[in-house]
Amino acid sequence: MPADGSTGGGGAEPPTPADDATARPAGLAELGRVHLVGVGGAGMSAVAGLLAARGLTVSGSDAQDGPVLDGLRAAGVAVHVGHDAAHVEFVDTVVLSSAIRDTNPELVRARERGLPVLHRSDALAALMAGRIGIAVAGAHGKTTTSTMVATALAAAGRDDQVLDPSYAIGGTVLTTDGATPGYRTGAGEVFVAEADESDGSFLAYAPAVAVVTNVEPDHLDHYGSAVAFEAAFEQFADRVLDGGALVACVDDPGAARLVDAVRERLTRRGVRVLTYGTDAAIADGNPDLVLGPLRPVGGTWHVTLTSRTAEVPGADLVLAVPGEHNAANAAAAYLAAWAVGADAAAVAAGLGDFRGTGRRFEDRGTVAGVRVVDDYAHHPTEVAALLRTARSVVGDGRVHVLFQPHLYSRTRTFAAEFGAALDLADTVVVTDVYAAREDPDPEVSGDTVVQRVPTPGRARYVADRHDAALAVAAAAGAGDLVLTVGAGDVTHLGADVLAALAAAPTDPAAGADGAVGGTATGGMTETDPDPDATREDPTGTA
């Protein structure tokens, strides 16, 4: 497996931040002293921690303090709270994500000084250079699949140290010992990276193995059309190194089209095309690895992976996380880890160690018999998969959702799809849109989604997110499941929901009628201005 960092294929060059024409670095030696703007984001904090672990002098800034910054300080990163041009006076390279605006004073000063200004993905590419890179892309499933790959390889690396992975993942990693940061420097040669397609920056990588969980159109504010979105994934596949592998899910029509488009030219370069999917995909996609039905057994979930080719070994997986989508993610991780030489049995056992990632069906607590779970789902397909999983674990209970749309452009584009997905819940409260990197759109609000929920009375718009938390808590009763859902600051509202449940009088009938209580605006379209909306996106990857 090649690991020299040379590019394979004819992928297009990735976009660089506006007005920055500096060439991407070939390796870490060119970076010098590095400063990261918006270092508290999930993706950015991973880069900062890895750079510091590799011996670089690293600093960073973020709009607010928090546990992530405390962890970076402990890792040796000099962290500033607040943005100031003085922070870049004595650095050599500046790194930022797409969430950072051109008016940021540190970015303005860096450009005045003529410093190299790199996208986060370029810094990750420098970290990956000379390693056996595994890059995981897809409109959804990236974080979970990346973490599964890293977990499986960490297990395999106990017997083969070459496989002990480094990784950069856009979220915390949950283990039996608690949550750990989304980055790690391993002893081996493998580097696992979550590859963000949102702005085309995943084209910075030249991995040995590329994983594509799906090619379902998203981020059309950047790409302009589904055709352009799919073309970017072709370019991503073309960047796999000679002799490497492409792993793709043929259950997804877009990924199946990708495989058809690139298989011949990748094969000519010695790149193996490895596919996975369910029985339903066999007629059209003919996957190399077929996922059997997911079977709950004593608090775990079993799935059989049946090989349809002599090259790929099958396996029986025992997973600690529910959901058919997670079984598919595990199949992708299994193929990717096997493709870099890991023992199949060790990989299967390692996948059983996976406990999840932060904000992916993450438990926040149980009060008065109501379980509260937080999830990052922010695309209609993700929301639908989440609610199907919720149904599989709640039993006879009811499912209540507090949903915060992420980005005005995405909300406008997929309002009908969001409405259909949310209709899988029993009750829905939609709060206002989290703007992230966008300016507000007066024609789009949470009510835009509510109006597209097919079942009358199932959903209500509550503009203020704290009032929304009270509303969803009021709807829930013992045995029910409450989900806080979205890629913005809705993640903080689980505590509000739990507090409201604790303060509510004990009433066995509470929530049984499914009424959504709390203060609401009903069909109004006014917004609750978010003071954080112009800060860097806390997710770092969406």
Protein backbone atom coordinates (compact mmCIF):
# COMPACT_ATOMS: atom_id res chain seq x y z
CA MET A 1 0.00 0.00 0.00
CA PRO A 2 1.60 3.30 -1.00
CA ALA A 3 2.27 5.76 1.76
CA ASP A 4 4.51 8.36 0.21
CA GLY A 5 1.85 11.03 -0.10
CA SER A 6 2.14 11.29 -3.88
CA THR A 7 -1.11 12.01 -5.66
CA GLY A 8 -2.80 9.41 -7.77
CA GLY A 9 -5.37 10.30 -10.40
CA GLY A 10 -6.37 13.54 -11.93
CA GLY A 11 -8.54 15.13 -9.26
CA ALA A 12 -9.04 18.87 -9.41
CA GLU A 13 -7.18 21.15 -7.04
CA PRO A 14 -9.23 22.04 -3.96
CA PRO A 15 -10.44 25.58 -3.43
CA THR A 16 -8.36 27.86 -1.22
CA PRO A 17 -9.72 30.64 1.01
CA ALA A 18 -10.54 33.81 -0.87
CA ASP A 19 -7.52 35.90 -1.85
CA ASP A 20 -5.05 33.28 -0.61
CA ALA A 21 -2.95 31.85 -3.42
CA THR A 22 -0.32 30.12 -1.28
CA ALA A 23 0.43 26.56 -2.42
CA ARG A 24 -0.60 23.75 -0.09
CA PRO A 25 2.26 22.44 2.08
CA ALA A 26 3.84 19.11 1.22
CA GLY A 27 4.47 18.32 4.88
CA LEU A 28 4.66 19.63 8.42
CA ALA A 29 8.17 21.08 8.13
CA GLU A 30 6.85 23.94 5.98
CA LEU A 31 4.27 25.12 8.52
CA GLY A 32 6.51 26.60 11.21
CA ARG A 33 4.57 28.21 14.06
CA VAL A 34 0.87 27.56 13.42
CA HIS A 35 -2.14 29.56 14.59
CA LEU A 36 -5.69 28.20 14.18
CA VAL A 37 -8.61 30.64 14.00
CA GLY A 38 -11.71 29.10 15.56
CA VAL A 39 -9.69 26.42 17.33
CA GLY A 40 -12.62 25.31 19.49
CA GLY A 41 -14.51 23.74 16.60
CA ALA A 42 -14.56 19.95 16.56
CA GLY A 43 -12.53 19.65 13.37
CA MET A 44 -10.14 22.48 14.18
CA SER A 45 -9.37 21.28 17.70
CA ALA A 46 -8.39 17.89 16.27
CA VAL A 47 -5.90 19.54 13.90
CA ALA A 48 -4.46 21.67 16.69
CA GLY A 49 -3.97 18.70 18.99
CA LEU A 50 -2.32 16.60 16.29
CA LEU A 51 0.04 19.39 15.23
CA ALA A 52 1.10 19.91 18.83
CA ALA A 53 1.63 16.17 19.29
CA ARG A 54 3.91 16.16 16.25
CA GLY A 55 6.13 18.78 17.91
CA LEU A 56 4.99 22.02 16.27
CA THR A 57 4.45 25.29 18.12
CA VAL A 58 0.69 25.76 18.00
CA SER A 59 -1.63 28.54 19.10
CA GLY A 60 -5.30 29.20 18.50
CA SER A 61 -8.23 31.45 19.24
CA ASP A 62 -11.94 31.02 19.68
CA ALA A 63 -14.89 33.23 20.50
CA GLN A 64 -15.59 31.53 23.81
CA ASP A 65 -13.91 29.35 26.40
CA GLY A 66 -14.93 25.81 27.22
CA PRO A 67 -13.83 22.23 27.89
CA VAL A 68 -12.39 21.82 24.39
CA LEU A 69 -9.99 24.71 24.97
CA ASP A 70 -9.04 23.29 28.37
CA GLY A 71 -8.08 20.05 26.64
CA LEU A 72 -5.99 21.91 24.08
CA ARG A 73 -4.19 23.83 26.80
CA ALA A 74 -3.33 20.52 28.44
CA ALA A 75 -1.98 19.34 25.08
CA GLY A 76 0.40 22.28 24.86
CA VAL A 77 -1.60 24.62 22.61
CA ALA A 78 -1.50 28.34 23.50
CA VAL A 79 -5.17 29.31 23.44
CA HIS A 80 -6.70 32.79 23.31
CA VAL A 81 -10.35 33.55 24.05
CA GLY A 82 -11.53 36.20 21.61
CA HIS A 83 -10.09 37.26 18.28
CA ASP A 84 -7.37 39.87 18.00
CA ALA A 85 -4.97 40.76 15.20
CA ALA A 86 -2.10 40.62 17.70
CA HIS A 87 -2.53 36.83 17.92
CA VAL A 88 -0.94 36.34 14.49
CA GLU A 89 1.99 38.74 14.82
CA PHE A 90 4.54 36.04 15.65
CA VAL A 91 3.31 33.01 13.72
CA ASP A 92 4.30 31.55 10.36
CA THR A 93 1.09 29.89 9.15
CA VAL A 94 -2.61 30.49 9.81
CA VAL A 95 -5.22 27.74 9.55
CA LEU A 96 -8.96 28.31 9.40
CA SER A 97 -12.21 26.55 8.52
CA SER A 98 -14.88 27.66 6.09
CA ALA A 99 -16.88 29.04 9.01
CA ILE A 100 -14.41 31.92 9.48
CA ARG A 101 -15.48 35.11 7.75
CA ASP A 102 -13.22 37.38 5.74
CA THR A 103 -13.73 40.17 8.30
CA ASN A 104 -12.16 38.20 11.15
CA PRO A 105 -9.37 40.49 12.47
CA GLU A 106 -6.83 37.67 12.67
CA LEU A 107 -7.48 36.63 9.09
CA VAL A 108 -7.30 40.26 7.93
CA ARG A 109 -3.94 40.73 9.65
CA ALA A 110 -2.55 37.43 8.37
CA ARG A 111 -3.28 38.53 4.82
CA GLU A 112 -1.71 41.93 5.45
CA ARG A 113 1.45 40.15 6.60
CA GLY A 114 1.38 37.84 3.57
CA LEU A 115 1.25 34.72 5.72
CA PRO A 116 0.24 31.36 4.27
CA VAL A 117 -3.47 30.97 5.08
CA LEU A 118 -4.54 27.35 4.86
CA HIS A 119 -7.85 25.58 5.07
CA ARG A 120 -8.17 23.01 7.84
CA SER A 121 -8.10 20.24 5.25
CA ASP A 122 -4.71 21.42 3.95
CA ALA A 123 -3.26 21.12 7.46
CA LEU A 124 -4.76 17.65 7.74
CA ALA A 125 -3.27 16.73 4.37
CA ALA A 126 0.14 17.77 5.69
CA LEU A 127 -0.40 15.54 8.73
CA MET A 128 -1.41 12.68 6.43
CA ALA A 129 1.60 13.06 4.12
CA GLY A 130 3.89 10.04 4.28
CA ARG A 131 1.25 8.00 6.12
CA ILE A 132 -1.22 5.34 5.00
CA GLY A 133 -4.19 7.68 4.74
CA ILE A 134 -7.83 6.66 5.09
CA ALA A 135 -10.23 9.49 4.24
CA VAL A 136 -13.94 9.04 4.98
CA ALA A 137 -16.44 11.14 3.02
CA GLY A 138 -20.18 11.29 2.49
CA ALA A 139 -23.08 13.63 3.12
CA HIS A 140 -23.70 11.77 6.38
CA GLY A 141 -22.09 9.01 8.38
CA LYS A 142 -18.56 10.42 8.18
CA THR A 143 -17.88 10.91 11.86
CA THR A 144 -19.28 7.57 12.97
CA THR A 145 -17.56 5.63 10.19
CA SER A 146 -14.23 7.41 10.76
CA THR A 147 -14.39 6.55 14.45
CA MET A 148 -15.30 2.95 13.67
CA VAL A 149 -12.27 2.66 11.37
CA ALA A 150 -10.01 4.14 14.05
CA THR A 151 -11.46 1.89 16.76
CA ALA A 152 -11.07 -1.23 14.64
CA LEU A 153 -7.48 -0.35 13.70
CA ALA A 154 -6.60 0.44 17.32
CA ALA A 155 -7.70 -3.11 18.16
CA ALA A 156 -5.71 -4.57 15.25
CA GLY A 157 -2.72 -2.41 16.25
CA ARG A 158 -2.37 -4.28 19.53
CA ASP A 159 -0.83 -7.12 17.52
CA ASP A 160 0.51 -5.14 14.55
CA GLN A 161 1.90 -1.78 15.65
CA VAL A 162 2.13 -0.51 12.08
CA LEU A 163 -1.67 -0.32 12.11
CA ASP A 164 -1.98 1.62 15.39
CA PRO A 165 -3.76 4.70 14.00
CA SER A 166 -3.56 8.42 14.28
CA TYR A 167 -6.87 10.10 13.55
CA ALA A 168 -8.69 13.40 13.19
CA ILE A 169 -12.46 13.18 13.65
CA GLY A 170 -15.06 15.92 13.90
CA GLY A 171 -16.40 14.91 17.28
CA THR A 172 -15.56 13.37 20.60
CA VAL A 173 -15.00 9.62 20.74
CA LEU A 174 -16.99 7.69 23.35
CA THR A 175 -15.26 4.77 25.05
CA THR A 176 -16.00 2.49 27.99
CA ASP A 177 -13.82 4.89 30.03
CA GLY A 178 -15.71 8.00 28.94
CA ALA A 179 -15.40 10.64 26.20
CA THR A 180 -12.02 11.32 24.59
CA PRO A 181 -10.97 14.03 22.08
CA GLY A 182 -11.53 13.53 18.37
CA TYR A 183 -7.83 13.18 17.67
CA ARG A 184 -5.02 10.80 18.53
CA THR A 185 -1.40 10.27 17.56
CA GLY A 186 -0.79 6.54 17.28
CA ALA A 187 2.44 4.59 17.02
CA GLY A 188 1.72 3.25 13.54
CA GLU A 189 1.63 4.42 9.95
CA VAL A 190 -2.14 4.74 9.43
CA PHE A 191 -3.87 8.12 9.53
CA VAL A 192 -7.69 8.26 9.55
CA ALA A 193 -9.34 11.55 8.59
CA GLU A 194 -12.95 12.62 8.37
CA ALA A 195 -13.08 14.27 4.94
CA ASP A 196 -15.46 17.23 4.78
CA GLU A 197 -17.18 17.64 1.44
CA SER A 198 -19.18 20.74 2.41
CA ASP A 199 -16.88 23.21 0.63
CA GLY A 200 -14.89 20.92 -1.65
CA SER A 201 -11.94 20.84 0.73
CA PHE A 202 -11.91 17.03 0.83
CA LEU A 203 -10.08 17.27 -2.48
CA ALA A 204 -6.96 18.25 -0.54
CA TYR A 205 -6.37 14.62 0.43
CA ALA A 206 -4.54 11.90 -1.49
CA PRO A 207 -5.50 8.87 0.60
CA ALA A 208 -4.52 5.25 0.26
CA VAL A 209 -8.16 4.37 0.99
CA ALA A 210 -11.20 6.56 0.33
CA VAL A 211 -14.51 5.65 1.93
CA VAL A 212 -17.77 7.06 0.52
CA THR A 213 -20.77 6.36 2.72
CA ASN A 214 -23.19 8.11 0.35
CA VAL A 215 -23.36 10.84 -2.28
CA GLU A 216 -26.68 12.35 -1.35
CA PRO A 217 -26.84 16.00 -2.46
CA ASP A 218 -26.17 18.56 0.26
CA HIS A 219 -24.31 21.86 0.54
CA LEU A 220 -25.88 23.07 -2.68
CA ASP A 221 -25.18 26.62 -1.51
CA HIS A 222 -21.54 25.80 -2.36
CA TYR A 223 -21.91 23.41 -5.31
CA GLY A 224 -24.92 24.95 -7.04
CA SER A 225 -26.35 21.65 -8.30
CA ALA A 226 -26.53 17.94 -7.54
CA VAL A 227 -24.52 17.28 -10.70
CA ALA A 228 -21.63 19.42 -9.43
CA PHE A 229 -21.85 17.74 -6.02
CA GLU A 230 -21.53 14.28 -7.56
CA ALA A 231 -18.68 15.46 -9.81
CA ALA A 232 -16.72 16.49 -6.70
CA PHE A 233 -16.99 12.96 -5.35
CA GLU A 234 -15.62 11.61 -8.62
CA GLN A 235 -12.64 13.91 -8.18
CA PHE A 236 -12.27 12.66 -4.60
CA ALA A 237 -12.21 9.05 -5.79
CA ASP A 238 -9.64 9.94 -8.44
CA ARG A 239 -7.28 11.17 -5.70
CA VAL A 240 -6.87 7.66 -4.24
CA LEU A 241 -3.24 6.60 -4.58
CA ASP A 242 -2.21 3.96 -7.10
CA GLY A 243 -2.68 0.53 -5.55
CA GLY A 244 -5.15 1.86 -2.98
CA ALA A 245 -8.86 1.22 -2.52
CA LEU A 246 -12.23 2.92 -2.85
CA VAL A 247 -14.92 1.68 -0.43
CA ALA A 248 -18.50 2.68 -1.30
CA CYS A 249 -22.09 1.87 -0.33
CA VAL A 250 -24.14 0.77 -3.31
CA ASP A 251 -27.39 1.07 -1.35
CA ASP A 252 -27.04 4.78 -2.01
CA PRO A 253 -27.89 5.69 -5.62
CA GLY A 254 -25.32 8.48 -5.75
CA ALA A 255 -22.53 6.25 -4.46
CA ALA A 256 -23.59 3.51 -6.88
CA ARG A 257 -23.33 6.01 -9.76
CA LEU A 258 -19.92 7.03 -8.46
CA VAL A 259 -18.71 3.42 -8.56
CA ASP A 260 -20.00 2.99 -12.12
CA ALA A 261 -18.30 6.20 -13.22
CA VAL A 262 -14.84 5.57 -11.74
CA ARG A 263 -14.42 1.79 -11.54
CA GLU A 264 -12.70 1.32 -14.90
CA ARG A 265 -10.17 4.12 -14.54
CA LEU A 266 -9.41 3.28 -10.90
CA THR A 267 -8.90 -0.38 -11.76
CA ARG A 268 -6.38 0.61 -14.44
CA ARG A 269 -4.31 2.23 -11.67
CA GLY A 270 -4.52 -0.83 -9.44
CA VAL A 271 -7.11 0.72 -7.15
CA ARG A 272 -9.50 -1.87 -5.75
CA VAL A 273 -13.18 -0.89 -5.73
CA LEU A 274 -14.83 -2.51 -2.70
CA THR A 275 -18.59 -2.15 -2.25
CA TYR A 276 -21.10 -3.00 0.45
CA GLY A 277 -24.87 -2.97 0.71
CA THR A 278 -27.98 -4.86 1.74
CA ASP A 279 -29.85 -7.61 -0.11
CA ALA A 280 -31.91 -4.91 -1.79
CA ALA A 281 -28.77 -3.63 -3.51
CA ILE A 282 -27.70 -6.95 -5.00
CA ALA A 283 -29.77 -6.70 -8.18
CA ASP A 284 -28.36 -3.32 -9.14
CA GLY A 285 -25.12 -2.84 -7.25
CA ASN A 286 -23.86 -6.40 -6.74
CA PRO A 287 -21.96 -5.48 -3.54
CA ASP A 288 -18.82 -7.33 -2.52
CA LEU A 289 -20.06 -7.44 1.07
CA VAL A 290 -23.76 -7.97 1.84
CA LEU A 291 -25.25 -6.79 5.13
CA GLY A 292 -27.74 -9.17 6.66
CA PRO A 293 -30.62 -8.02 8.87
CA LEU A 294 -29.77 -6.33 12.18
CA ARG A 295 -30.69 -8.56 15.12
CA PRO A 296 -31.01 -7.21 18.71
CA VAL A 297 -29.53 -9.65 21.21
CA GLY A 298 -29.31 -8.81 24.90
CA GLY A 299 -28.50 -5.13 24.54
CA THR A 300 -26.22 -5.61 21.52
CA TRP A 301 -26.93 -5.68 17.79
CA HIS A 302 -25.72 -8.51 15.57
CA VAL A 303 -25.20 -8.35 11.82
CA THR A 304 -23.65 -10.83 9.41
CA LEU A 305 -21.46 -9.56 6.58
CA THR A 306 -21.54 -12.08 3.74
CA SER A 307 -18.80 -11.94 1.14
CA ARG A 308 -19.76 -12.35 -2.51
CA THR A 309 -16.17 -12.41 -3.72
CA ALA A 310 -13.25 -14.67 -2.88
CA GLU A 311 -11.08 -11.64 -2.16
CA VAL A 312 -13.06 -10.18 0.75
CA PRO A 313 -13.62 -12.21 3.95
CA GLY A 314 -17.06 -12.19 5.58
CA ALA A 315 -17.68 -11.60 9.28
CA ASP A 316 -20.20 -11.69 12.10
CA LEU A 317 -20.28 -8.35 13.91
CA VAL A 318 -21.60 -7.70 17.41
CA LEU A 319 -22.19 -3.94 17.80
CA ALA A 320 -22.87 -1.89 20.91
CA VAL A 321 -24.77 0.77 18.93
CA PRO A 322 -28.23 0.42 17.37
CA GLY A 323 -29.51 1.29 13.93
CA GLU A 324 -29.28 -0.13 10.43
CA HIS A 325 -27.26 2.92 9.40
CA ASN A 326 -24.65 2.02 12.01
CA ALA A 327 -24.50 -1.54 10.68
CA ALA A 328 -23.76 -0.07 7.24
CA ASN A 329 -21.14 2.25 8.72
CA ALA A 330 -19.53 -0.77 10.41
CA ALA A 331 -19.38 -2.60 7.06
CA ALA A 332 -17.58 0.39 5.53
CA ALA A 333 -15.12 0.51 8.43
CA TYR A 334 -14.53 -3.25 8.16
CA LEU A 335 -13.63 -2.98 4.48
CA ALA A 336 -11.40 0.07 4.97
CA ALA A 337 -9.44 -1.49 7.83
CA TRP A 338 -9.07 -4.76 5.94
CA ALA A 339 -7.91 -2.86 2.83
CA VAL A 340 -4.85 -1.51 4.68
CA GLY A 341 -3.87 -4.98 5.82
CA ALA A 342 -5.63 -5.46 9.16
CA ASP A 343 -6.62 -8.97 10.20
CA ALA A 344 -10.34 -9.48 9.54
CA ALA A 345 -11.02 -11.15 12.88
CA ALA A 346 -9.23 -8.39 14.79
CA VAL A 347 -11.22 -5.76 12.89
CA ALA A 348 -14.53 -7.49 13.66
CA ALA A 349 -13.64 -7.69 17.34
CA GLY A 350 -12.52 -4.06 17.37
CA LEU A 351 -15.81 -2.88 15.93
CA GLY A 352 -17.47 -4.41 18.97
CA ASP A 353 -15.46 -1.95 21.09
CA PHE A 354 -17.07 1.03 19.36
CA ARG A 355 -19.28 2.97 21.79
CA GLY A 356 -20.25 5.89 19.62
CA THR A 357 -19.19 9.47 19.06
CA GLY A 358 -20.24 12.68 20.67
CA ARG A 359 -23.62 13.94 19.48
CA ARG A 360 -24.54 10.67 17.73
CA PHE A 361 -27.40 9.17 19.74
CA GLU A 362 -25.58 10.36 22.85
CA ASP A 363 -27.37 9.88 26.16
CA ARG A 364 -27.87 13.05 28.19
CA GLY A 365 -29.74 11.43 31.07
CA THR A 366 -33.08 10.04 32.24
CA VAL A 367 -35.50 11.91 34.51
CA ALA A 368 -39.00 10.81 35.54
CA GLY A 369 -38.69 7.83 33.25
CA VAL A 370 -37.96 9.99 30.20
CA ARG A 371 -34.69 9.35 28.38
CA VAL A 372 -33.04 12.36 26.71
CA VAL A 373 -30.68 11.75 23.78
CA ASP A 374 -28.73 14.27 21.69
CA ASP A 375 -27.92 13.81 18.01
CA TYR A 376 -26.10 15.81 15.34
CA ALA A 377 -28.47 14.83 12.49
CA HIS A 378 -28.91 17.85 10.21
CA HIS A 379 -29.82 16.32 6.84
CA PRO A 380 -33.24 14.78 6.12
CA THR A 381 -31.83 11.29 5.55
CA GLU A 382 -29.94 11.50 8.85
CA VAL A 383 -33.07 12.65 10.69
CA ALA A 384 -35.13 9.80 9.23
CA ALA A 385 -32.45 7.23 10.14
CA LEU A 386 -32.25 8.65 13.65
CA LEU A 387 -36.01 8.39 14.18
CA ARG A 388 -36.13 4.84 12.86
CA THR A 389 -33.37 3.96 15.32
CA ALA A 390 -35.26 5.73 18.11
CA ARG A 391 -38.32 3.59 17.34
CA SER A 392 -36.21 0.46 17.61
CA VAL A 393 -34.98 1.31 21.12
CA VAL A 394 -38.00 3.02 22.75
CA GLY A 395 -40.30 0.00 22.65
CA ASP A 396 -43.85 1.02 23.54
CA GLY A 397 -42.80 4.56 24.41
CA ARG A 398 -43.25 7.67 22.32
CA VAL A 399 -40.61 9.67 20.45
CA HIS A 400 -40.49 13.45 20.88
CA VAL A 401 -38.12 15.64 18.85
CA LEU A 402 -36.69 19.10 19.42
CA PHE A 403 -35.20 19.99 16.03
CA GLN A 404 -33.01 22.98 15.20
CA PRO A 405 -32.48 23.44 11.44
CA HIS A 406 -28.87 24.19 10.46
CA LEU A 407 -28.21 26.78 7.73
CA TYR A 408 -30.89 28.82 5.99
CA SER A 409 -29.88 27.50 2.59
CA ARG A 410 -30.21 23.86 3.66
CA THR A 411 -33.55 24.56 5.37
CA ARG A 412 -34.94 26.20 2.26
CA THR A 413 -33.68 23.46 -0.07
CA PHE A 414 -34.82 20.47 1.99
CA ALA A 415 -37.86 21.79 3.89
CA ALA A 416 -40.21 19.18 2.44
CA GLU A 417 -37.75 16.36 3.08
CA PHE A 418 -37.21 17.52 6.67
CA GLY A 419 -40.97 17.61 7.16
CA ALA A 420 -41.39 14.05 5.89
CA ALA A 421 -38.54 12.79 8.10
CA LEU A 422 -39.86 14.49 11.24
CA ASP A 423 -43.28 12.97 10.62
CA LEU A 424 -41.78 9.70 11.88
CA ALA A 425 -41.87 11.12 15.44
CA ASP A 426 -44.91 11.35 17.70
CA THR A 427 -44.47 15.04 18.50
CA VAL A 428 -42.08 17.61 17.06
CA VAL A 429 -40.94 21.04 18.23
CA VAL A 430 -38.93 23.00 15.68
CA THR A 431 -36.97 25.99 16.90
CA ASP A 432 -35.30 28.67 14.82
CA VAL A 433 -32.54 28.13 12.27
CA TYR A 434 -28.92 28.04 13.42
CA ALA A 435 -27.22 30.37 10.96
CA ALA A 436 -23.62 29.15 11.40
CA ARG A 437 -21.64 30.72 8.55
CA GLU A 438 -24.67 32.31 6.81
CA ASP A 439 -26.51 35.59 7.16
CA PRO A 440 -30.19 35.31 8.17
CA ASP A 441 -32.79 34.79 5.44
CA PRO A 442 -36.04 36.57 6.42
CA GLU A 443 -38.05 34.16 4.28
CA VAL A 444 -36.81 31.03 6.10
CA SER A 445 -37.40 29.96 9.70
CA GLY A 446 -38.16 26.87 11.70
CA ASP A 447 -41.78 27.32 10.69
CA THR A 448 -40.71 26.65 7.09
CA VAL A 449 -40.10 23.05 8.19
CA VAL A 450 -43.18 22.80 10.41
CA GLN A 451 -45.43 23.70 7.49
CA ARG A 452 -44.04 20.69 5.57
CA VAL A 453 -44.77 18.05 8.25
CA PRO A 454 -47.58 16.00 6.68
CA THR A 455 -49.55 15.00 9.81
CA PRO A 456 -51.61 17.96 11.08
CA GLY A 457 -50.84 18.98 14.65
CA ARG A 458 -47.73 16.83 14.94
CA ALA A 459 -45.26 19.71 14.81
CA ARG A 460 -45.09 23.21 16.26
CA TYR A 461 -42.69 26.09 15.73
CA VAL A 462 -41.22 27.58 18.93
CA ALA A 463 -38.74 30.28 17.95
CA ASP A 464 -36.97 30.65 21.30
CA ARG A 465 -34.84 27.57 21.82
CA HIS A 466 -35.20 27.55 25.60
CA ASP A 467 -38.98 27.75 25.32
CA ALA A 468 -38.72 24.95 22.78
CA ALA A 469 -36.94 22.79 25.36
CA LEU A 470 -39.78 23.39 27.83
CA ALA A 471 -42.31 22.52 25.15
CA VAL A 472 -40.79 19.17 24.23
CA ALA A 473 -40.36 18.26 27.91
CA ALA A 474 -44.04 19.00 28.54
CA ALA A 475 -45.03 16.51 25.84
CA ALA A 476 -43.07 13.59 27.32
CA GLY A 477 -44.14 10.94 29.81
CA ALA A 478 -42.54 7.98 31.52
CA GLY A 479 -41.16 5.48 29.01
CA ASP A 480 -40.76 8.10 26.29
CA LEU A 481 -37.65 9.26 24.44
CA VAL A 482 -36.81 12.93 23.82
CA LEU A 483 -34.30 13.78 21.09
CA THR A 484 -32.49 17.11 20.72
CA VAL A 485 -31.47 17.17 17.06
CA GLY A 486 -29.33 19.42 14.85
CA ALA A 487 -25.80 20.60 14.15
CA GLY A 488 -26.01 23.88 16.05
CA ASP A 489 -26.31 24.84 19.72
CA VAL A 490 -29.39 22.67 20.25
CA THR A 491 -26.88 20.29 21.82
CA HIS A 492 -26.93 22.48 24.95
CA LEU A 493 -30.70 22.13 25.40
CA GLY A 494 -30.64 18.58 26.73
CA ALA A 495 -29.86 20.05 30.16
CA ASP A 496 -32.90 22.36 29.86
CA VAL A 497 -35.12 19.42 28.96
CA LEU A 498 -33.85 17.36 31.90
CA ALA A 499 -34.33 20.29 34.28
CA ALA A 500 -37.89 20.81 33.05
CA LEU A 501 -38.65 17.12 33.50
CA ALA A 502 -37.24 17.22 37.04
CA ALA A 503 -39.33 20.28 37.93
CA ALA A 504 -42.59 18.92 36.50
CA PRO A 505 -45.14 17.46 38.95
CA THR A 506 -45.35 13.68 38.84
CA ASP A 507 -48.38 12.76 36.75
CA PRO A 508 -48.71 9.36 35.08
CA ALA A 509 -50.92 10.93 32.43
CA ALA A 510 -48.47 13.68 31.58
CA GLY A 511 -47.62 13.73 27.92
CA ALA A 512 -50.03 10.94 27.07
CA ASP A 513 -52.13 13.06 24.77
CA GLY A 514 -49.13 14.14 22.77
CA ALA A 515 -49.92 17.83 23.20
CA VAL A 516 -46.93 20.07 22.75
CA GLY A 517 -46.86 22.60 25.55
CA GLY A 518 -44.77 25.66 26.34
CA THR A 519 -44.60 29.11 24.88
CA ALA A 520 -44.80 29.08 21.11
CA THR A 521 -45.31 31.33 18.15
CA GLY A 522 -47.55 28.87 16.36
CA GLY A 523 -47.58 29.71 12.68
CA MET A 524 -45.65 32.95 13.06
CA THR A 525 -42.39 33.32 11.17
CA GLU A 526 -40.53 35.77 13.39
CA THR A 527 -37.06 34.69 14.46
CA ASP A 528 -35.20 34.63 17.74
CA PRO A 529 -31.88 36.35 16.94
CA ASP A 530 -29.00 34.10 17.95
CA PRO A 531 -26.09 36.07 19.41
CA ASP A 532 -23.80 33.19 18.44
CA ALA A 533 -24.87 33.03 14.81
CA THR A 534 -21.90 34.95 13.46
CA ARG A 535 -19.31 33.09 15.53
CA GLU A 536 -17.36 30.24 14.10
CA ASP A 537 -19.51 27.15 13.72
CA PRO A 538 -19.06 25.05 16.90
CA THR A 539 -19.35 21.83 14.92
CA GLY A 540 -16.36 22.66 12.74
CA THR A 541 -17.46 20.22 10.04
CA ALA A 542 -21.01 20.86 8.91
